[in-house]
Amino acid sequence: MLFGMKVLCHTWLMRQVGQRIIGTVALSPSGEALRAAAVHQATGQALAAVATSGIPKGVYRFFSLAELNRHTEDAAARAVALNVRRRLGRS
């Protein structure tokens, strides 16, 4: 018994907003779920002309979270720019 309730708090029924049906986790996925996953994966691979995060291998030490965020954002910008250049046929 938790807080006077006979069920755990994460098993309480929640209010549903909207009409979308959320898929459940299954041991073996349905054919529709596999097709959706294949489309999602193919789209991601098509969008990524280069397989890089933009961050070179190495050990990085940052003095602040702001410095880490700036480094990560710069790396993401480099990766996006490289993807665009490759897609346009430029190196």
PDB file of N, CA and C in Angstrom:
ATOM      1  N   MET A   1       0.849  -1.165   0.000  1.00  0.00           N
ATOM      2  CA  MET A   1       0.000   0.000   0.000  1.00  0.00           C
ATOM      3  C   MET A   1       0.903   1.239   0.000  1.00  0.00           C
ATOM      4  N   LEU A   2       0.648   2.147  -0.904  1.00  0.00           N
ATOM      5  CA  LEU A   2       1.466   3.336  -1.055  1.00  0.00           C
ATOM      6  C   LEU A   2       0.563   4.557  -0.992  1.00  0.00           C
ATOM      7  N   PHE A   3       0.809   5.421  -0.035  1.00  0.00           N
ATOM      8  CA  PHE A   3       0.007   6.628   0.141  1.00  0.00           C
ATOM      9  C   PHE A   3      -1.485   6.311   0.226  1.00  0.00           C
ATOM     10  N   GLY A   4      -1.815   5.236   0.875  1.00  0.00           N
ATOM     11  CA  GLY A   4      -3.209   4.870   1.031  1.00  0.00           C
ATOM     12  C   GLY A   4      -3.831   4.239  -0.209  1.00  0.00           C
ATOM     13  N   MET A   5      -3.039   4.036  -1.275  1.00  0.00           N
ATOM     14  CA  MET A   5      -3.553   3.443  -2.513  1.00  0.00           C
ATOM     15  C   MET A   5      -3.055   2.000  -2.600  1.00  0.00           C
ATOM     16  N   LYS A   6      -3.821   1.153  -3.257  1.00  0.00           N
ATOM     17  CA  LYS A   6      -3.446  -0.243  -3.381  1.00  0.00           C
ATOM     18  C   LYS A   6      -2.652  -0.526  -4.656  1.00  0.00           C
ATOM     19  N   VAL A   7      -2.473   0.492  -5.504  1.00  0.00           N
ATOM     20  CA  VAL A   7      -1.711   0.312  -6.738  1.00  0.00           C
ATOM     21  C   VAL A   7      -0.539   1.297  -6.736  1.00  0.00           C
ATOM     22  N   LEU A   8       0.481   0.993  -7.494  1.00  0.00           N
ATOM     23  CA  LEU A   8       1.628   1.887  -7.591  1.00  0.00           C
ATOM     24  C   LEU A   8       1.270   3.094  -8.435  1.00  0.00           C
ATOM     25  N   CYS A   9       1.940   4.209  -8.172  1.00  0.00           N
ATOM     26  CA  CYS A   9       1.587   5.451  -8.848  1.00  0.00           C
ATOM     27  C   CYS A   9       1.820   5.377 -10.359  1.00  0.00           C
ATOM     28  N   HIS A  10       2.805   4.602 -10.823  1.00  0.00           N
ATOM     29  CA  HIS A  10       3.056   4.553 -12.259  1.00  0.00           C
ATOM     30  C   HIS A  10       2.055   3.665 -13.006  1.00  0.00           C
ATOM     31  N   THR A  11       1.159   3.030 -12.292  1.00  0.00           N
ATOM     32  CA  THR A  11       0.147   2.218 -12.963  1.00  0.00           C
ATOM     33  C   THR A  11      -1.218   2.895 -12.965  1.00  0.00           C
ATOM     34  N   TRP A  12      -1.318   4.113 -12.430  1.00  0.00           N
ATOM     35  CA  TRP A  12      -2.585   4.819 -12.452  1.00  0.00           C
ATOM     36  C   TRP A  12      -2.979   5.122 -13.885  1.00  0.00           C
ATOM     37  N   LEU A  13      -4.251   5.146 -14.129  1.00  0.00           N
ATOM     38  CA  LEU A  13      -4.744   5.523 -15.442  1.00  0.00           C
ATOM     39  C   LEU A  13      -4.544   7.015 -15.635  1.00  0.00           C
ATOM     40  N   MET A  14      -4.101   7.393 -16.811  1.00  0.00           N
ATOM     41  CA  MET A  14      -3.889   8.805 -17.099  1.00  0.00           C
ATOM     42  C   MET A  14      -4.984   9.309 -18.017  1.00  0.00           C
ATOM     43  N   ARG A  15      -5.206  10.583 -17.973  1.00  0.00           N
ATOM     44  CA  ARG A  15      -6.178  11.212 -18.848  1.00  0.00           C
ATOM     45  C   ARG A  15      -5.626  11.223 -20.267  1.00  0.00           C
ATOM     46  N   GLN A  16      -6.406  10.810 -21.225  1.00  0.00           N
ATOM     47  CA  GLN A  16      -5.967  10.788 -22.621  1.00  0.00           C
ATOM     48  C   GLN A  16      -6.445  12.046 -23.314  1.00  0.00           C
ATOM     49  N   VAL A  17      -5.505  12.722 -23.974  1.00  0.00           N
ATOM     50  CA  VAL A  17      -5.822  13.917 -24.735  1.00  0.00           C
ATOM     51  C   VAL A  17      -5.562  13.587 -26.193  1.00  0.00           C
ATOM     52  N   GLY A  18      -6.528  13.781 -27.052  1.00  0.00           N
ATOM     53  CA  GLY A  18      -6.369  13.472 -28.464  1.00  0.00           C
ATOM     54  C   GLY A  18      -6.851  12.073 -28.786  1.00  0.00           C
ATOM     55  N   GLN A  19      -6.658  11.682 -30.041  1.00  0.00           N
ATOM     56  CA  GLN A  19      -7.188  10.409 -30.515  1.00  0.00           C
ATOM     57  C   GLN A  19      -6.118   9.440 -30.976  1.00  0.00           C
ATOM     58  N   ARG A  20      -4.849   9.883 -30.953  1.00  0.00           N
ATOM     59  CA  ARG A  20      -3.780   9.034 -31.466  1.00  0.00           C
ATOM     60  C   ARG A  20      -3.615   7.794 -30.603  1.00  0.00           C
ATOM     61  N   ILE A  21      -3.449   6.669 -31.261  1.00  0.00           N
ATOM     62  CA  ILE A  21      -3.242   5.417 -30.562  1.00  0.00           C
ATOM     63  C   ILE A  21      -1.740   5.153 -30.529  1.00  0.00           C
ATOM     64  N   ILE A  22      -1.202   5.029 -29.350  1.00  0.00           N
ATOM     65  CA  ILE A  22       0.228   4.809 -29.195  1.00  0.00           C
ATOM     66  C   ILE A  22       0.485   3.309 -29.220  1.00  0.00           C
ATOM     67  N   GLY A  23       1.438   2.901 -30.042  1.00  0.00           N
ATOM     68  CA  GLY A  23       1.765   1.487 -30.143  1.00  0.00           C
ATOM     69  C   GLY A  23       2.392   0.972 -28.851  1.00  0.00           C
ATOM     70  N   THR A  24       2.228  -0.290 -28.623  1.00  0.00           N
ATOM     71  CA  THR A  24       2.789  -0.895 -27.421  1.00  0.00           C
ATOM     72  C   THR A  24       4.043  -1.682 -27.784  1.00  0.00           C
ATOM     73  N   VAL A  25       4.862  -1.909 -26.816  1.00  0.00           N
ATOM     74  CA  VAL A  25       6.072  -2.688 -27.020  1.00  0.00           C
ATOM     75  C   VAL A  25       5.682  -4.157 -27.095  1.00  0.00           C
ATOM     76  N   ALA A  26       6.203  -4.849 -28.105  1.00  0.00           N
ATOM     77  CA  ALA A  26       5.883  -6.258 -28.273  1.00  0.00           C
ATOM     78  C   ALA A  26       7.173  -7.049 -28.488  1.00  0.00           C
ATOM     79  N   LEU A  27       7.120  -8.323 -28.160  1.00  0.00           N
ATOM     80  CA  LEU A  27       8.283  -9.181 -28.339  1.00  0.00           C
ATOM     81  C   LEU A  27       8.620  -9.314 -29.820  1.00  0.00           C
ATOM     82  N   SER A  28       7.612  -9.470 -30.652  1.00  0.00           N
ATOM     83  CA  SER A  28       7.830  -9.494 -32.101  1.00  0.00           C
ATOM     84  C   SER A  28       6.933  -8.422 -32.723  1.00  0.00           C
ATOM     85  N   PRO A  29       7.544  -7.404 -33.364  1.00  0.00           N
ATOM     86  CA  PRO A  29       6.768  -6.293 -33.896  1.00  0.00           C
ATOM     87  C   PRO A  29       5.903  -6.706 -35.082  1.00  0.00           C
ATOM     88  N   SER A  30       4.880  -5.920 -35.329  1.00  0.00           N
ATOM     89  CA  SER A  30       3.977  -6.194 -36.440  1.00  0.00           C
ATOM     90  C   SER A  30       4.650  -5.806 -37.755  1.00  0.00           C
ATOM     91  N   GLY A  31       4.093  -6.275 -38.844  1.00  0.00           N
ATOM     92  CA  GLY A  31       4.619  -5.928 -40.162  1.00  0.00           C
ATOM     93  C   GLY A  31       4.536  -4.440 -40.419  1.00  0.00           C
ATOM     94  N   GLU A  32       3.458  -3.812 -39.960  1.00  0.00           N
ATOM     95  CA  GLU A  32       3.298  -2.368 -40.136  1.00  0.00           C
ATOM     96  C   GLU A  32       4.384  -1.610 -39.371  1.00  0.00           C
ATOM     97  N   ALA A  33       4.692  -2.060 -38.163  1.00  0.00           N
ATOM     98  CA  ALA A  33       5.737  -1.403 -37.372  1.00  0.00           C
ATOM     99  C   ALA A  33       7.104  -1.569 -38.025  1.00  0.00           C
ATOM    100  N   LEU A  34       7.374  -2.729 -38.583  1.00  0.00           N
ATOM    101  CA  LEU A  34       8.652  -2.966 -39.274  1.00  0.00           C
ATOM    102  C   LEU A  34       8.773  -2.096 -40.519  1.00  0.00           C
ATOM    103  N   ARG A  35       7.674  -1.963 -41.274  1.00  0.00           N
ATOM    104  CA  ARG A  35       7.700  -1.095 -42.457  1.00  0.00           C
ATOM    105  C   ARG A  35       7.936   0.358 -42.064  1.00  0.00           C
ATOM    106  N   ALA A  36       7.281   0.808 -41.006  1.00  0.00           N
ATOM    107  CA  ALA A  36       7.459   2.185 -40.530  1.00  0.00           C
ATOM    108  C   ALA A  36       8.900   2.412 -40.084  1.00  0.00           C
ATOM    109  N   ALA A  37       9.488   1.446 -39.404  1.00  0.00           N
ATOM    110  CA  ALA A  37      10.879   1.565 -38.960  1.00  0.00           C
ATOM    111  C   ALA A  37      11.824   1.599 -40.151  1.00  0.00           C
ATOM    112  N   ALA A  38      11.555   0.798 -41.176  1.00  0.00           N
ATOM    113  CA  ALA A  38      12.404   0.780 -42.366  1.00  0.00           C
ATOM    114  C   ALA A  38      12.346   2.115 -43.097  1.00  0.00           C
ATOM    115  N   VAL A  39      11.159   2.701 -43.195  1.00  0.00           N
ATOM    116  CA  VAL A  39      11.011   4.010 -43.836  1.00  0.00           C
ATOM    117  C   VAL A  39      11.758   5.071 -43.033  1.00  0.00           C
ATOM    118  N   HIS A  40      11.632   5.028 -41.722  1.00  0.00           N
ATOM    119  CA  HIS A  40      12.310   5.985 -40.846  1.00  0.00           C
ATOM    120  C   HIS A  40      13.831   5.882 -41.005  1.00  0.00           C
ATOM    121  N   GLN A  41      14.340   4.662 -41.031  1.00  0.00           N
ATOM    122  CA  GLN A  41      15.785   4.452 -41.166  1.00  0.00           C
ATOM    123  C   GLN A  41      16.271   4.902 -42.545  1.00  0.00           C
ATOM    124  N   ALA A  42      15.541   4.573 -43.593  1.00  0.00           N
ATOM    125  CA  ALA A  42      15.940   4.973 -44.943  1.00  0.00           C
ATOM    126  C   ALA A  42      15.932   6.495 -45.096  1.00  0.00           C
ATOM    127  N   THR A  43      14.960   7.148 -44.486  1.00  0.00           N
ATOM    128  CA  THR A  43      14.901   8.609 -44.542  1.00  0.00           C
ATOM    129  C   THR A  43      16.105   9.223 -43.841  1.00  0.00           C
ATOM    130  N   GLY A  44      16.448   8.711 -42.683  1.00  0.00           N
ATOM    131  CA  GLY A  44      17.606   9.211 -41.955  1.00  0.00           C
ATOM    132  C   GLY A  44      18.895   9.017 -42.728  1.00  0.00           C
ATOM    133  N   GLN A  45      19.049   7.857 -43.365  1.00  0.00           N
ATOM    134  CA  GLN A  45      20.256   7.604 -44.153  1.00  0.00           C
ATOM    135  C   GLN A  45      20.308   8.479 -45.394  1.00  0.00           C
ATOM    136  N   ALA A  46      19.159   8.756 -45.983  1.00  0.00           N
ATOM    137  CA  ALA A  46      19.134   9.616 -47.163  1.00  0.00           C
ATOM    138  C   ALA A  46      19.471  11.053 -46.806  1.00  0.00           C
ATOM    139  N   LEU A  47      19.054  11.494 -45.632  1.00  0.00           N
ATOM    140  CA  LEU A  47      19.337  12.860 -45.214  1.00  0.00           C
ATOM    141  C   LEU A  47      20.796  13.058 -44.817  1.00  0.00           C
ATOM    142  N   ALA A  48      21.440  12.007 -44.375  1.00  0.00           N
ATOM    143  CA  ALA A  48      22.826  12.109 -43.936  1.00  0.00           C
ATOM    144  C   ALA A  48      23.758  11.713 -45.076  1.00  0.00           C
ATOM    145  N   ALA A  49      24.330  12.702 -45.742  1.00  0.00           N
ATOM    146  CA  ALA A  49      25.256  12.423 -46.836  1.00  0.00           C
ATOM    147  C   ALA A  49      26.592  11.925 -46.292  1.00  0.00           C
ATOM    148  N   VAL A  50      26.937  12.342 -45.096  1.00  0.00           N
ATOM    149  CA  VAL A  50      28.155  11.872 -44.440  1.00  0.00           C
ATOM    150  C   VAL A  50      27.788  11.358 -43.053  1.00  0.00           C
ATOM    151  N   ALA A  51      28.444  10.298 -42.674  1.00  0.00           N
ATOM    152  CA  ALA A  51      28.159   9.699 -41.369  1.00  0.00           C
ATOM    153  C   ALA A  51      29.150  10.241 -40.343  1.00  0.00           C
ATOM    154  N   THR A  52      28.891  11.427 -39.838  1.00  0.00           N
ATOM    155  CA  THR A  52      29.764  12.023 -38.826  1.00  0.00           C
ATOM    156  C   THR A  52      28.940  12.889 -37.893  1.00  0.00           C
ATOM    157  N   SER A  53      29.423  12.995 -36.691  1.00  0.00           N
ATOM    158  CA  SER A  53      28.796  13.902 -35.734  1.00  0.00           C
ATOM    159  C   SER A  53      29.464  15.267 -35.774  1.00  0.00           C
ATOM    160  N   GLY A  54      30.600  15.355 -36.467  1.00  0.00           N
ATOM    161  CA  GLY A  54      31.338  16.606 -36.530  1.00  0.00           C
ATOM    162  C   GLY A  54      32.350  16.761 -35.416  1.00  0.00           C
ATOM    163  N   ILE A  55      32.361  15.840 -34.481  1.00  0.00           N
ATOM    164  CA  ILE A  55      33.294  15.916 -33.358  1.00  0.00           C
ATOM    165  C   ILE A  55      34.425  14.909 -33.592  1.00  0.00           C
ATOM    166  N   PRO A  56      35.666  15.388 -33.766  1.00  0.00           N
ATOM    167  CA  PRO A  56      36.784  14.470 -33.952  1.00  0.00           C
ATOM    168  C   PRO A  56      37.020  13.627 -32.695  1.00  0.00           C
ATOM    169  N   LYS A  57      37.598  12.449 -32.895  1.00  0.00           N
ATOM    170  CA  LYS A  57      37.906  11.592 -31.753  1.00  0.00           C
ATOM    171  C   LYS A  57      38.907  12.280 -30.849  1.00  0.00           C
ATOM    172  N   GLY A  58      38.761  12.036 -29.593  1.00  0.00           N
ATOM    173  CA  GLY A  58      39.690  12.615 -28.640  1.00  0.00           C
ATOM    174  C   GLY A  58      39.068  12.755 -27.273  1.00  0.00           C
ATOM    175  N   VAL A  59      39.869  13.240 -26.349  1.00  0.00           N
ATOM    176  CA  VAL A  59      39.409  13.495 -24.993  1.00  0.00           C
ATOM    177  C   VAL A  59      39.277  15.000 -24.853  1.00  0.00           C
ATOM    178  N   TYR A  60      38.131  15.449 -24.407  1.00  0.00           N
ATOM    179  CA  TYR A  60      37.869  16.875 -24.286  1.00  0.00           C
ATOM    180  C   TYR A  60      37.604  17.221 -22.831  1.00  0.00           C
ATOM    181  N   ARG A  61      38.173  18.322 -22.393  1.00  0.00           N
ATOM    182  CA  ARG A  61      37.908  18.835 -21.051  1.00  0.00           C
ATOM    183  C   ARG A  61      37.417  20.273 -21.200  1.00  0.00           C
ATOM    184  N   PHE A  62      36.314  20.554 -20.557  1.00  0.00           N
ATOM    185  CA  PHE A  62      35.722  21.879 -20.662  1.00  0.00           C
ATOM    186  C   PHE A  62      35.664  22.507 -19.279  1.00  0.00           C
ATOM    187  N   PHE A  63      35.845  23.812 -19.230  1.00  0.00           N
ATOM    188  CA  PHE A  63      35.808  24.520 -17.965  1.00  0.00           C
ATOM    189  C   PHE A  63      34.387  24.859 -17.535  1.00  0.00           C
ATOM    190  N   SER A  64      33.456  24.843 -18.479  1.00  0.00           N
ATOM    191  CA  SER A  64      32.074  25.171 -18.133  1.00  0.00           C
ATOM    192  C   SER A  64      31.126  24.449 -19.087  1.00  0.00           C
ATOM    193  N   LEU A  65      29.873  24.391 -18.688  1.00  0.00           N
ATOM    194  CA  LEU A  65      28.859  23.794 -19.550  1.00  0.00           C
ATOM    195  C   LEU A  65      28.639  24.652 -20.786  1.00  0.00           C
ATOM    196  N   ALA A  66      28.798  25.959 -20.638  1.00  0.00           N
ATOM    197  CA  ALA A  66      28.640  26.857 -21.789  1.00  0.00           C
ATOM    198  C   ALA A  66      29.686  26.541 -22.856  1.00  0.00           C
ATOM    199  N   GLU A  67      30.911  26.272 -22.431  1.00  0.00           N
ATOM    200  CA  GLU A  67      31.974  25.921 -23.375  1.00  0.00           C
ATOM    201  C   GLU A  67      31.672  24.586 -24.060  1.00  0.00           C
ATOM    202  N   LEU A  68      31.174  23.620 -23.296  1.00  0.00           N
ATOM    203  CA  LEU A  68      30.776  22.323 -23.867  1.00  0.00           C
ATOM    204  C   LEU A  68      29.664  22.511 -24.884  1.00  0.00           C
ATOM    205  N   ASN A  69      28.645  23.299 -24.529  1.00  0.00           N
ATOM    206  CA  ASN A  69      27.533  23.532 -25.452  1.00  0.00           C
ATOM    207  C   ASN A  69      28.000  24.221 -26.727  1.00  0.00           C
ATOM    208  N   ARG A  70      28.890  25.206 -26.596  1.00  0.00           N
ATOM    209  CA  ARG A  70      29.409  25.914 -27.767  1.00  0.00           C
ATOM    210  C   ARG A  70      30.171  24.943 -28.678  1.00  0.00           C
ATOM    211  N   HIS A  71      30.989  24.073 -28.071  1.00  0.00           N
ATOM    212  CA  HIS A  71      31.744  23.086 -28.848  1.00  0.00           C
ATOM    213  C   HIS A  71      30.803  22.129 -29.577  1.00  0.00           C
ATOM    214  N   THR A  72      29.775  21.653 -28.890  1.00  0.00           N
ATOM    215  CA  THR A  72      28.814  20.722 -29.485  1.00  0.00           C
ATOM    216  C   THR A  72      28.033  21.381 -30.614  1.00  0.00           C
ATOM    217  N   GLU A  73      27.602  22.621 -30.399  1.00  0.00           N
ATOM    218  CA  GLU A  73      26.860  23.333 -31.441  1.00  0.00           C
ATOM    219  C   GLU A  73      27.731  23.611 -32.660  1.00  0.00           C
ATOM    220  N   ASP A  74      28.996  23.970 -32.441  1.00  0.00           N
ATOM    221  CA  ASP A  74      29.914  24.188 -33.561  1.00  0.00           C
ATOM    222  C   ASP A  74      30.120  22.899 -34.353  1.00  0.00           C
ATOM    223  N   ALA A  75      30.260  21.779 -33.648  1.00  0.00           N
ATOM    224  CA  ALA A  75      30.446  20.490 -34.316  1.00  0.00           C
ATOM    225  C   ALA A  75      29.209  20.112 -35.120  1.00  0.00           C
ATOM    226  N   ALA A  76      28.034  20.334 -34.563  1.00  0.00           N
ATOM    227  CA  ALA A  76      26.792  20.022 -35.281  1.00  0.00           C
ATOM    228  C   ALA A  76      26.664  20.909 -36.517  1.00  0.00           C
ATOM    229  N   ALA A  77      27.036  22.174 -36.394  1.00  0.00           N
ATOM    230  CA  ALA A  77      26.986  23.082 -37.547  1.00  0.00           C
ATOM    231  C   ALA A  77      27.953  22.632 -38.637  1.00  0.00           C
ATOM    232  N   ARG A  78      29.147  22.180 -38.241  1.00  0.00           N
ATOM    233  CA  ARG A  78      30.112  21.663 -39.232  1.00  0.00           C
ATOM    234  C   ARG A  78      29.561  20.432 -39.936  1.00  0.00           C
ATOM    235  N   ALA A  79      28.925  19.535 -39.190  1.00  0.00           N
ATOM    236  CA  ALA A  79      28.375  18.316 -39.781  1.00  0.00           C
ATOM    237  C   ALA A  79      27.241  18.640 -40.752  1.00  0.00           C
ATOM    238  N   VAL A  80      26.375  19.575 -40.384  1.00  0.00           N
ATOM    239  CA  VAL A  80      25.267  19.971 -41.263  1.00  0.00           C
ATOM    240  C   VAL A  80      25.821  20.613 -42.534  1.00  0.00           C
ATOM    241  N   ALA A  81      26.806  21.501 -42.376  1.00  0.00           N
ATOM    242  CA  ALA A  81      27.406  22.161 -43.542  1.00  0.00           C
ATOM    243  C   ALA A  81      28.080  21.138 -44.459  1.00  0.00           C
ATOM    244  N   LEU A  82      28.767  20.160 -43.882  1.00  0.00           N
ATOM    245  CA  LEU A  82      29.407  19.119 -44.686  1.00  0.00           C
ATOM    246  C   LEU A  82      28.365  18.294 -45.428  1.00  0.00           C
ATOM    247  N   ASN A  83      27.250  17.963 -44.768  1.00  0.00           N
ATOM    248  CA  ASN A  83      26.163  17.232 -45.423  1.00  0.00           C
ATOM    249  C   ASN A  83      25.614  18.024 -46.602  1.00  0.00           C
ATOM    250  N   VAL A  84      25.393  19.314 -46.406  1.00  0.00           N
ATOM    251  CA  VAL A  84      24.836  20.147 -47.482  1.00  0.00           C
ATOM    252  C   VAL A  84      25.819  20.213 -48.641  1.00  0.00           C
ATOM    253  N   ARG A  85      27.100  20.437 -48.343  1.00  0.00           N
ATOM    254  CA  ARG A  85      28.102  20.500 -49.424  1.00  0.00           C
ATOM    255  C   ARG A  85      28.191  19.197 -50.192  1.00  0.00           C
ATOM    256  N   ARG A  86      28.162  18.057 -49.496  1.00  0.00           N
ATOM    257  CA  ARG A  86      28.222  16.752 -50.173  1.00  0.00           C
ATOM    258  C   ARG A  86      26.986  16.530 -51.022  1.00  0.00           C
ATOM    259  N   ARG A  87      25.813  16.944 -50.515  1.00  0.00           N
ATOM    260  CA  ARG A  87      24.588  16.757 -51.280  1.00  0.00           C
ATOM    261  C   ARG A  87      24.566  17.616 -52.532  1.00  0.00           C
ATOM    262  N   LEU A  88      25.220  18.767 -52.465  1.00  0.00           N
ATOM    263  CA  LEU A  88      25.281  19.654 -53.625  1.00  0.00           C
ATOM    264  C   LEU A  88      26.439  19.291 -54.551  1.00  0.00           C
ATOM    265  N   GLY A  89      27.201  18.277 -54.174  1.00  0.00           N
ATOM    266  CA  GLY A  89      28.297  17.820 -55.026  1.00  0.00           C
ATOM    267  C   GLY A  89      29.585  18.578 -54.842  1.00  0.00           C
ATOM    268  N   ARG A  90      29.697  19.319 -53.761  1.00  0.00           N
ATOM    269  CA  ARG A  90      30.923  20.046 -53.460  1.00  0.00           C
ATOM    270  C   ARG A  90      31.632  19.364 -52.309  1.00  0.00           C
ATOM    271  N   SER A  91      32.926  19.492 -52.251  1.00  0.00           N
ATOM    272  CA  SER A  91      33.664  18.895 -51.135  1.00  0.00           C
ATOM    273  C   SER A  91      33.748  19.887 -50.076  1.00  0.00           C
TER     274      SER A  91
END
